Amino acid sequence: MKTQSARWIIALSFALAAGGFLFPFWPLSVLGIALAAFSGRWVLAVALGLLLDIAYGAPIGRWHVLYVPFTLAALACVLGHYFFTHYMRKNYPDTL
């Protein structure tokens, strides 16, 4: 059973990612992916990244070597969330 706040985070992250796709403003999509990843929903973040990569297609120009940039951004945010929580639990266990 999901709590009400978890439902709001999932809905808001999906709405930000979809809004960034509908209005061609990719930083909004990355913000939605980062919200999902930093809230601990890594499956949703990677799934949104994959969906956006399929929707946008392969990047062109200087960034053509990044075949899946949104998925890589999702994985980077997930790793950042993991390392940040590991650091906080190791150094400040009484505040969490």
PDB file of N, CA and C in Angstrom:
ATOM      1  N   MET A   1       0.840  -1.168   0.000  1.00  0.00           N
ATOM      2  CA  MET A   1       0.000   0.000   0.000  1.00  0.00           C
ATOM      3  C   MET A   1       0.888   1.236   0.000  1.00  0.00           C
ATOM      4  N   LYS A   2       0.654   2.101  -0.946  1.00  0.00           N
ATOM      5  CA  LYS A   2       1.440   3.322  -1.040  1.00  0.00           C
ATOM      6  C   LYS A   2       0.805   4.412  -0.205  1.00  0.00           C
ATOM      7  N   THR A   3       1.639   5.216   0.403  1.00  0.00           N
ATOM      8  CA  THR A   3       1.131   6.336   1.174  1.00  0.00           C
ATOM      9  C   THR A   3       0.717   7.453   0.231  1.00  0.00           C
ATOM     10  N   GLN A   4       0.030   8.431   0.780  1.00  0.00           N
ATOM     11  CA  GLN A   4      -0.438   9.540  -0.035  1.00  0.00           C
ATOM     12  C   GLN A   4       0.727  10.359  -0.584  1.00  0.00           C
ATOM     13  N   SER A   5       1.776  10.534   0.221  1.00  0.00           N
ATOM     14  CA  SER A   5       2.922  11.310  -0.262  1.00  0.00           C
ATOM     15  C   SER A   5       3.657  10.576  -1.383  1.00  0.00           C
ATOM     16  N   ALA A   6       3.723   9.247  -1.319  1.00  0.00           N
ATOM     17  CA  ALA A   6       4.364   8.481  -2.388  1.00  0.00           C
ATOM     18  C   ALA A   6       3.585   8.619  -3.692  1.00  0.00           C
ATOM     19  N   ARG A   7       2.279   8.629  -3.605  1.00  0.00           N
ATOM     20  CA  ARG A   7       1.468   8.819  -4.810  1.00  0.00           C
ATOM     21  C   ARG A   7       1.687  10.191  -5.417  1.00  0.00           C
ATOM     22  N   TRP A   8       1.817  11.207  -4.578  1.00  0.00           N
ATOM     23  CA  TRP A   8       2.055  12.563  -5.074  1.00  0.00           C
ATOM     24  C   TRP A   8       3.423  12.672  -5.729  1.00  0.00           C
ATOM     25  N   ILE A   9       4.431  12.039  -5.156  1.00  0.00           N
ATOM     26  CA  ILE A   9       5.772  12.088  -5.742  1.00  0.00           C
ATOM     27  C   ILE A   9       5.787  11.388  -7.094  1.00  0.00           C
ATOM     28  N   ILE A  10       5.144  10.241  -7.188  1.00  0.00           N
ATOM     29  CA  ILE A  10       5.088   9.513  -8.455  1.00  0.00           C
ATOM     30  C   ILE A  10       4.336  10.321  -9.503  1.00  0.00           C
ATOM     31  N   ALA A  11       3.202  10.885  -9.130  1.00  0.00           N
ATOM     32  CA  ALA A  11       2.416  11.665 -10.076  1.00  0.00           C
ATOM     33  C   ALA A  11       3.158  12.923 -10.518  1.00  0.00           C
ATOM     34  N   LEU A  12       3.807  13.598  -9.576  1.00  0.00           N
ATOM     35  CA  LEU A  12       4.522  14.828  -9.912  1.00  0.00           C
ATOM     36  C   LEU A  12       5.738  14.545 -10.783  1.00  0.00           C
ATOM     37  N   SER A  13       6.463  13.491 -10.509  1.00  0.00           N
ATOM     38  CA  SER A  13       7.631  13.177 -11.337  1.00  0.00           C
ATOM     39  C   SER A  13       7.213  12.786 -12.752  1.00  0.00           C
ATOM     40  N   PHE A  14       6.129  12.027 -12.877  1.00  0.00           N
ATOM     41  CA  PHE A  14       5.639  11.683 -14.211  1.00  0.00           C
ATOM     42  C   PHE A  14       5.115  12.917 -14.935  1.00  0.00           C
ATOM     43  N   ALA A  15       4.418  13.805 -14.213  1.00  0.00           N
ATOM     44  CA  ALA A  15       3.893  15.024 -14.846  1.00  0.00           C
ATOM     45  C   ALA A  15       5.025  15.938 -15.302  1.00  0.00           C
ATOM     46  N   LEU A  16       6.083  16.057 -14.523  1.00  0.00           N
ATOM     47  CA  LEU A  16       7.221  16.877 -14.937  1.00  0.00           C
ATOM     48  C   LEU A  16       7.909  16.290 -16.162  1.00  0.00           C
ATOM     49  N   ALA A  17       8.097  14.975 -16.167  1.00  0.00           N
ATOM     50  CA  ALA A  17       8.741  14.333 -17.317  1.00  0.00           C
ATOM     51  C   ALA A  17       7.873  14.457 -18.572  1.00  0.00           C
ATOM     52  N   ALA A  18       6.579  14.264 -18.428  1.00  0.00           N
ATOM     53  CA  ALA A  18       5.683  14.393 -19.580  1.00  0.00           C
ATOM     54  C   ALA A  18       5.577  15.841 -20.043  1.00  0.00           C
ATOM     55  N   GLY A  19       5.553  16.764 -19.092  1.00  0.00           N
ATOM     56  CA  GLY A  19       5.510  18.176 -19.467  1.00  0.00           C
ATOM     57  C   GLY A  19       6.759  18.618 -20.197  1.00  0.00           C
ATOM     58  N   GLY A  20       7.898  18.099 -19.786  1.00  0.00           N
ATOM     59  CA  GLY A  20       9.135  18.407 -20.484  1.00  0.00           C
ATOM     60  C   GLY A  20       9.171  17.835 -21.887  1.00  0.00           C
ATOM     61  N   PHE A  21       8.430  16.758 -22.117  1.00  0.00           N
ATOM     62  CA  PHE A  21       8.358  16.199 -23.467  1.00  0.00           C
ATOM     63  C   PHE A  21       7.346  16.956 -24.320  1.00  0.00           C
ATOM     64  N   LEU A  22       6.196  17.284 -23.744  1.00  0.00           N
ATOM     65  CA  LEU A  22       5.161  17.975 -24.512  1.00  0.00           C
ATOM     66  C   LEU A  22       5.567  19.394 -24.880  1.00  0.00           C
ATOM     67  N   PHE A  23       6.148  20.124 -23.924  1.00  0.00           N
ATOM     68  CA  PHE A  23       6.739  21.421 -24.215  1.00  0.00           C
ATOM     69  C   PHE A  23       8.226  21.135 -24.387  1.00  0.00           C
ATOM     70  N   PRO A  24       8.761  21.242 -25.578  1.00  0.00           N
ATOM     71  CA  PRO A  24      10.126  20.744 -25.814  1.00  0.00           C
ATOM     72  C   PRO A  24      11.172  21.445 -24.948  1.00  0.00           C
ATOM     73  N   PHE A  25      11.184  21.078 -23.680  1.00  0.00           N
ATOM     74  CA  PHE A  25      12.108  21.645 -22.707  1.00  0.00           C
ATOM     75  C   PHE A  25      12.664  20.496 -21.898  1.00  0.00           C
ATOM     76  N   TRP A  26      13.780  19.918 -22.365  1.00  0.00           N
ATOM     77  CA  TRP A  26      14.307  18.693 -21.782  1.00  0.00           C
ATOM     78  C   TRP A  26      14.759  18.832 -20.330  1.00  0.00           C
ATOM     79  N   PRO A  27      15.185  20.018 -19.817  1.00  0.00           N
ATOM     80  CA  PRO A  27      15.555  20.063 -18.398  1.00  0.00           C
ATOM     81  C   PRO A  27      14.384  19.753 -17.456  1.00  0.00           C
ATOM     82  N   LEU A  28      13.173  20.038 -17.905  1.00  0.00           N
ATOM     83  CA  LEU A  28      12.003  19.693 -17.096  1.00  0.00           C
ATOM     84  C   LEU A  28      11.841  18.178 -17.001  1.00  0.00           C
ATOM     85  N   SER A  29      12.146  17.491 -18.076  1.00  0.00           N
ATOM     86  CA  SER A  29      12.098  16.027 -18.053  1.00  0.00           C
ATOM     87  C   SER A  29      13.165  15.459 -17.121  1.00  0.00           C
ATOM     88  N   VAL A  30      14.355  16.038 -17.156  1.00  0.00           N
ATOM     89  CA  VAL A  30      15.425  15.585 -16.270  1.00  0.00           C
ATOM     90  C   VAL A  30      15.056  15.858 -14.814  1.00  0.00           C
ATOM     91  N   LEU A  31      14.373  16.971 -14.560  1.00  0.00           N
ATOM     92  CA  LEU A  31      13.917  17.278 -13.201  1.00  0.00           C
ATOM     93  C   LEU A  31      12.920  16.236 -12.705  1.00  0.00           C
ATOM     94  N   GLY A  32      12.011  15.799 -13.563  1.00  0.00           N
ATOM     95  CA  GLY A  32      11.071  14.737 -13.185  1.00  0.00           C
ATOM     96  C   GLY A  32      11.770  13.419 -12.900  1.00  0.00           C
ATOM     97  N   ILE A  33      12.778  13.094 -13.713  1.00  0.00           N
ATOM     98  CA  ILE A  33      13.548  11.873 -13.490  1.00  0.00           C
ATOM     99  C   ILE A  33      14.334  11.975 -12.187  1.00  0.00           C
ATOM    100  N   ALA A  34      14.938  13.140 -11.940  1.00  0.00           N
ATOM    101  CA  ALA A  34      15.724  13.328 -10.711  1.00  0.00           C
ATOM    102  C   ALA A  34      14.830  13.260  -9.474  1.00  0.00           C
ATOM    103  N   LEU A  35      13.623  13.798  -9.559  1.00  0.00           N
ATOM    104  CA  LEU A  35      12.695  13.722  -8.428  1.00  0.00           C
ATOM    105  C   LEU A  35      12.363  12.274  -8.102  1.00  0.00           C
ATOM    106  N   ALA A  36      12.114  11.476  -9.134  1.00  0.00           N
ATOM    107  CA  ALA A  36      11.820  10.052  -8.898  1.00  0.00           C
ATOM    108  C   ALA A  36      13.030   9.329  -8.323  1.00  0.00           C
ATOM    109  N   ALA A  37      14.215   9.642  -8.834  1.00  0.00           N
ATOM    110  CA  ALA A  37      15.422   8.939  -8.372  1.00  0.00           C
ATOM    111  C   ALA A  37      15.794   9.335  -6.955  1.00  0.00           C
ATOM    112  N   PHE A  38      15.771  10.628  -6.659  1.00  0.00           N
ATOM    113  CA  PHE A  38      16.185  11.079  -5.333  1.00  0.00           C
ATOM    114  C   PHE A  38      15.144  10.789  -4.254  1.00  0.00           C
ATOM    115  N   SER A  39      13.923  10.457  -4.656  1.00  0.00           N
ATOM    116  CA  SER A  39      12.939  10.058  -3.663  1.00  0.00           C
ATOM    117  C   SER A  39      12.997   8.564  -3.379  1.00  0.00           C
ATOM    118  N   GLY A  40      13.892   7.849  -4.070  1.00  0.00           N
ATOM    119  CA  GLY A  40      14.073   6.427  -3.799  1.00  0.00           C
ATOM    120  C   GLY A  40      13.310   5.510  -4.727  1.00  0.00           C
ATOM    121  N   ARG A  41      12.669   6.039  -5.739  1.00  0.00           N
ATOM    122  CA  ARG A  41      11.924   5.222  -6.688  1.00  0.00           C
ATOM    123  C   ARG A  41      12.763   5.047  -7.948  1.00  0.00           C
ATOM    124  N   TRP A  42      13.783   4.195  -7.857  1.00  0.00           N
ATOM    125  CA  TRP A  42      14.750   4.068  -8.936  1.00  0.00           C
ATOM    126  C   TRP A  42      14.173   3.351 -10.146  1.00  0.00           C
ATOM    127  N   VAL A  43      13.226   2.454  -9.934  1.00  0.00           N
ATOM    128  CA  VAL A  43      12.614   1.757 -11.067  1.00  0.00           C
ATOM    129  C   VAL A  43      11.814   2.742 -11.912  1.00  0.00           C
ATOM    130  N   LEU A  44      11.078   3.630 -11.250  1.00  0.00           N
ATOM    131  CA  LEU A  44      10.316   4.641 -11.969  1.00  0.00           C
ATOM    132  C   LEU A  44      11.250   5.591 -12.712  1.00  0.00           C
ATOM    133  N   ALA A  45      12.363   5.964 -12.098  1.00  0.00           N
ATOM    134  CA  ALA A  45      13.302   6.884 -12.737  1.00  0.00           C
ATOM    135  C   ALA A  45      13.912   6.266 -13.994  1.00  0.00           C
ATOM    136  N   VAL A  46      14.327   5.022 -13.906  1.00  0.00           N
ATOM    137  CA  VAL A  46      14.912   4.353 -15.068  1.00  0.00           C
ATOM    138  C   VAL A  46      13.852   4.123 -16.141  1.00  0.00           C
ATOM    139  N   ALA A  47      12.643   3.767 -15.744  1.00  0.00           N
ATOM    140  CA  ALA A  47      11.564   3.565 -16.718  1.00  0.00           C
ATOM    141  C   ALA A  47      11.226   4.877 -17.430  1.00  0.00           C
ATOM    142  N   LEU A  48      11.145   5.971 -16.690  1.00  0.00           N
ATOM    143  CA  LEU A  48      10.902   7.271 -17.324  1.00  0.00           C
ATOM    144  C   LEU A  48      12.044   7.635 -18.258  1.00  0.00           C
ATOM    145  N   GLY A  49      13.264   7.363 -17.851  1.00  0.00           N
ATOM    146  CA  GLY A  49      14.407   7.631 -18.712  1.00  0.00           C
ATOM    147  C   GLY A  49      14.355   6.846 -20.006  1.00  0.00           C
ATOM    148  N   LEU A  50      14.016   5.569 -19.906  1.00  0.00           N
ATOM    149  CA  LEU A  50      13.913   4.745 -21.110  1.00  0.00           C
ATOM    150  C   LEU A  50      12.781   5.214 -22.016  1.00  0.00           C
ATOM    151  N   LEU A  51      11.636   5.557 -21.423  1.00  0.00           N
ATOM    152  CA  LEU A  51      10.519   6.047 -22.235  1.00  0.00           C
ATOM    153  C   LEU A  51      10.859   7.345 -22.948  1.00  0.00           C
ATOM    154  N   LEU A  52      11.536   8.247 -22.254  1.00  0.00           N
ATOM    155  CA  LEU A  52      11.917   9.506 -22.887  1.00  0.00           C
ATOM    156  C   LEU A  52      12.989   9.306 -23.948  1.00  0.00           C
ATOM    157  N   ASP A  53      13.893   8.370 -23.737  1.00  0.00           N
ATOM    158  CA  ASP A  53      14.893   8.080 -24.765  1.00  0.00           C
ATOM    159  C   ASP A  53      14.247   7.517 -26.021  1.00  0.00           C
ATOM    160  N   ILE A  54      13.258   6.664 -25.853  1.00  0.00           N
ATOM    161  CA  ILE A  54      12.542   6.130 -27.011  1.00  0.00           C
ATOM    162  C   ILE A  54      11.751   7.238 -27.706  1.00  0.00           C
ATOM    163  N   ALA A  55      11.130   8.109 -26.920  1.00  0.00           N
ATOM    164  CA  ALA A  55      10.308   9.167 -27.504  1.00  0.00           C
ATOM    165  C   ALA A  55      11.146  10.214 -28.242  1.00  0.00           C
ATOM    166  N   TYR A  56      12.277  10.622 -27.669  1.00  0.00           N
ATOM    167  CA  TYR A  56      13.113  11.636 -28.304  1.00  0.00           C
ATOM    168  C   TYR A  56      13.949  11.078 -29.447  1.00  0.00           C
ATOM    169  N   GLY A  57      14.301   9.823 -29.399  1.00  0.00           N
ATOM    170  CA  GLY A  57      15.153   9.235 -30.415  1.00  0.00           C
ATOM    171  C   GLY A  57      16.616   9.432 -30.075  1.00  0.00           C
ATOM    172  N   ALA A  58      17.471   9.058 -30.988  1.00  0.00           N
ATOM    173  CA  ALA A  58      18.911   9.156 -30.768  1.00  0.00           C
ATOM    174  C   ALA A  58      19.351  10.615 -30.829  1.00  0.00           C
ATOM    175  N   PRO A  59      20.226  11.030 -29.933  1.00  0.00           N
ATOM    176  CA  PRO A  59      20.711  12.414 -29.984  1.00  0.00           C
ATOM    177  C   PRO A  59      21.614  12.635 -31.190  1.00  0.00           C
ATOM    178  N   ILE A  60      21.664  13.903 -31.626  1.00  0.00           N
ATOM    179  CA  ILE A  60      22.495  14.249 -32.782  1.00  0.00           C
ATOM    180  C   ILE A  60      23.512  15.292 -32.357  1.00  0.00           C
ATOM    181  N   GLY A  61      24.452  15.563 -33.213  1.00  0.00           N
ATOM    182  CA  GLY A  61      25.440  16.590 -32.924  1.00  0.00           C
ATOM    183  C   GLY A  61      26.536  16.087 -32.007  1.00  0.00           C
ATOM    184  N   ARG A  62      26.959  16.960 -31.107  1.00  0.00           N
ATOM    185  CA  ARG A  62      28.072  16.653 -30.220  1.00  0.00           C
ATOM    186  C   ARG A  62      27.743  15.504 -29.266  1.00  0.00           C
ATOM    187  N   TRP A  63      26.498  15.336 -28.911  1.00  0.00           N
ATOM    188  CA  TRP A  63      26.110  14.342 -27.906  1.00  0.00           C
ATOM    189  C   TRP A  63      25.685  13.015 -28.522  1.00  0.00           C
ATOM    190  N   HIS A  64      26.083  12.736 -29.761  1.00  0.00           N
ATOM    191  CA  HIS A  64      25.667  11.491 -30.404  1.00  0.00           C
ATOM    192  C   HIS A  64      26.275  10.252 -29.742  1.00  0.00           C
ATOM    193  N   VAL A  65      27.338  10.418 -28.955  1.00  0.00           N
ATOM    194  CA  VAL A  65      27.927   9.257 -28.285  1.00  0.00           C
ATOM    195  C   VAL A  65      27.086   8.794 -27.100  1.00  0.00           C
ATOM    196  N   LEU A  66      26.220   9.654 -26.600  1.00  0.00           N
ATOM    197  CA  LEU A  66      25.298   9.254 -25.529  1.00  0.00           C
ATOM    198  C   LEU A  66      24.026   8.720 -26.180  1.00  0.00           C
ATOM    199  N   TYR A  67      23.927   7.426 -26.279  1.00  0.00           N
ATOM    200  CA  TYR A  67      22.788   6.831 -26.973  1.00  0.00           C
ATOM    201  C   TYR A  67      21.507   6.939 -26.150  1.00  0.00           C
ATOM    202  N   VAL A  68      21.626   6.886 -24.852  1.00  0.00           N
ATOM    203  CA  VAL A  68      20.463   6.940 -23.971  1.00  0.00           C
ATOM    204  C   VAL A  68      20.713   7.987 -22.872  1.00  0.00           C
ATOM    205  N   PRO A  69      20.644   9.269 -23.197  1.00  0.00           N
ATOM    206  CA  PRO A  69      21.028  10.290 -22.210  1.00  0.00           C
ATOM    207  C   PRO A  69      20.095  10.372 -21.005  1.00  0.00           C
ATOM    208  N   PHE A  70      18.795  10.182 -21.195  1.00  0.00           N
ATOM    209  CA  PHE A  70      17.872  10.268 -20.062  1.00  0.00           C
ATOM    210  C   PHE A  70      18.038   9.076 -19.120  1.00  0.00           C
ATOM    211  N   THR A  71      18.306   7.909 -19.672  1.00  0.00           N
ATOM    212  CA  THR A  71      18.546   6.751 -18.827  1.00  0.00           C
ATOM    213  C   THR A  71      19.855   6.900 -18.065  1.00  0.00           C
ATOM    214  N   LEU A  72      20.867   7.449 -18.709  1.00  0.00           N
ATOM    215  CA  LEU A  72      22.130   7.701 -18.016  1.00  0.00           C
ATOM    216  C   LEU A  72      21.958   8.744 -16.920  1.00  0.00           C
ATOM    217  N   ALA A  73      21.129   9.753 -17.178  1.00  0.00           N
ATOM    218  CA  ALA A  73      20.846  10.750 -16.138  1.00  0.00           C
ATOM    219  C   ALA A  73      20.107  10.101 -14.970  1.00  0.00           C
ATOM    220  N   ALA A  74      19.174   9.197 -15.267  1.00  0.00           N
ATOM    221  CA  ALA A  74      18.445   8.500 -14.203  1.00  0.00           C
ATOM    222  C   ALA A  74      19.391   7.640 -13.377  1.00  0.00           C
ATOM    223  N   LEU A  75      20.289   6.929 -14.036  1.00  0.00           N
ATOM    224  CA  LEU A  75      21.236   6.089 -13.301  1.00  0.00           C
ATOM    225  C   LEU A  75      22.206   6.932 -12.479  1.00  0.00           C
ATOM    226  N   ALA A  76      22.616   8.082 -13.004  1.00  0.00           N
ATOM    227  CA  ALA A  76      23.489   8.974 -12.243  1.00  0.00           C
ATOM    228  C   ALA A  76      22.777   9.509 -11.005  1.00  0.00           C
ATOM    229  N   CYS A  77      21.502   9.859 -11.139  1.00  0.00           N
ATOM    230  CA  CYS A  77      20.743  10.336  -9.978  1.00  0.00           C
ATOM    231  C   CYS A  77      20.526   9.227  -8.956  1.00  0.00           C
ATOM    232  N   VAL A  78      20.282   8.010  -9.433  1.00  0.00           N
ATOM    233  CA  VAL A  78      20.108   6.878  -8.517  1.00  0.00           C
ATOM    234  C   VAL A  78      21.403   6.622  -7.749  1.00  0.00           C
ATOM    235  N   LEU A  79      22.535   6.648  -8.453  1.00  0.00           N
ATOM    236  CA  LEU A  79      23.817   6.455  -7.772  1.00  0.00           C
ATOM    237  C   LEU A  79      24.114   7.597  -6.805  1.00  0.00           C
ATOM    238  N   GLY A  80      23.759   8.821  -7.197  1.00  0.00           N
ATOM    239  CA  GLY A  80      23.926   9.952  -6.285  1.00  0.00           C
ATOM    240  C   GLY A  80      23.090   9.808  -5.029  1.00  0.00           C
ATOM    241  N   HIS A  81      21.865   9.351  -5.189  1.00  0.00           N
ATOM    242  CA  HIS A  81      20.988   9.116  -4.036  1.00  0.00           C
ATOM    243  C   HIS A  81      21.558   8.033  -3.140  1.00  0.00           C
ATOM    244  N   TYR A  82      22.075   6.960  -3.737  1.00  0.00           N
ATOM    245  CA  TYR A  82      22.641   5.865  -2.959  1.00  0.00           C
ATOM    246  C   TYR A  82      23.857   6.329  -2.162  1.00  0.00           C
ATOM    247  N   PHE A  83      24.783   7.022  -2.824  1.00  0.00           N
ATOM    248  CA  PHE A  83      25.994   7.450  -2.139  1.00  0.00           C
ATOM    249  C   PHE A  83      25.708   8.516  -1.086  1.00  0.00           C
ATOM    250  N   PHE A  84      24.758   9.407  -1.353  1.00  0.00           N
ATOM    251  CA  PHE A  84      24.416  10.434  -0.378  1.00  0.00           C
ATOM    252  C   PHE A  84      23.783   9.831   0.868  1.00  0.00           C
ATOM    253  N   THR A  85      22.862   8.891   0.697  1.00  0.00           N
ATOM    254  CA  THR A  85      22.245   8.267   1.870  1.00  0.00           C
ATOM    255  C   THR A  85      23.250   7.394   2.618  1.00  0.00           C
ATOM    256  N   HIS A  86      24.157   6.740   1.893  1.00  0.00           N
ATOM    257  CA  HIS A  86      25.198   5.951   2.550  1.00  0.00           C
ATOM    258  C   HIS A  86      26.106   6.861   3.373  1.00  0.00           C
ATOM    259  N   TYR A  87      26.469   8.008   2.825  1.00  0.00           N
ATOM    260  CA  TYR A  87      27.311   8.965   3.537  1.00  0.00           C
ATOM    261  C   TYR A  87      26.598   9.498   4.777  1.00  0.00           C
ATOM    262  N   MET A  88      25.328   9.842   4.632  1.00  0.00           N
ATOM    263  CA  MET A  88      24.582  10.392   5.760  1.00  0.00           C
ATOM    264  C   MET A  88      24.382   9.349   6.858  1.00  0.00           C
ATOM    265  N   ARG A  89      24.116   8.124   6.495  1.00  0.00           N
ATOM    266  CA  ARG A  89      23.920   7.084   7.514  1.00  0.00           C
ATOM    267  C   ARG A  89      25.220   6.714   8.199  1.00  0.00           C
ATOM    268  N   LYS A  90      26.319   6.837   7.481  1.00  0.00           N
ATOM    269  CA  LYS A  90      27.614   6.502   8.066  1.00  0.00           C
ATOM    270  C   LYS A  90      28.095   7.615   9.000  1.00  0.00           C
ATOM    271  N   ASN A  91      27.966   8.858   8.596  1.00  0.00           N
ATOM    272  CA  ASN A  91      28.524   9.972   9.368  1.00  0.00           C
ATOM    273  C   ASN A  91      27.545  10.605  10.345  1.00  0.00           C
ATOM    274  N   TYR A  92      26.272  10.538  10.045  1.00  0.00           N
ATOM    275  CA  TYR A  92      25.267  11.170  10.913  1.00  0.00           C
ATOM    276  C   TYR A  92      24.126  10.196  11.200  1.00  0.00           C
ATOM    277  N   PRO A  93      24.390   9.103  11.893  1.00  0.00           N
ATOM    278  CA  PRO A  93      23.327   8.111  12.096  1.00  0.00           C
ATOM    279  C   PRO A  93      22.217   8.567  13.040  1.00  0.00           C
ATOM    280  N   ASP A  94      22.523   9.504  13.923  1.00  0.00           N
ATOM    281  CA  ASP A  94      21.502   9.926  14.883  1.00  0.00           C
ATOM    282  C   ASP A  94      20.536  10.946  14.310  1.00  0.00           C
ATOM    283  N   THR A  95      20.855  11.568  13.178  1.00  0.00           N
ATOM    284  CA  THR A  95      19.956  12.575  12.616  1.00  0.00           C
ATOM    285  C   THR A  95      18.970  11.997  11.613  1.00  0.00           C
ATOM    286  N   LEU A  96      19.201  10.772  11.143  1.00  0.00           N
ATOM    287  CA  LEU A  96      18.277  10.185  10.183  1.00  0.00           C
ATOM    288  C   LEU A  96      17.215   9.395  10.849  1.00  0.00           C
TER     289      LEU A  96
END
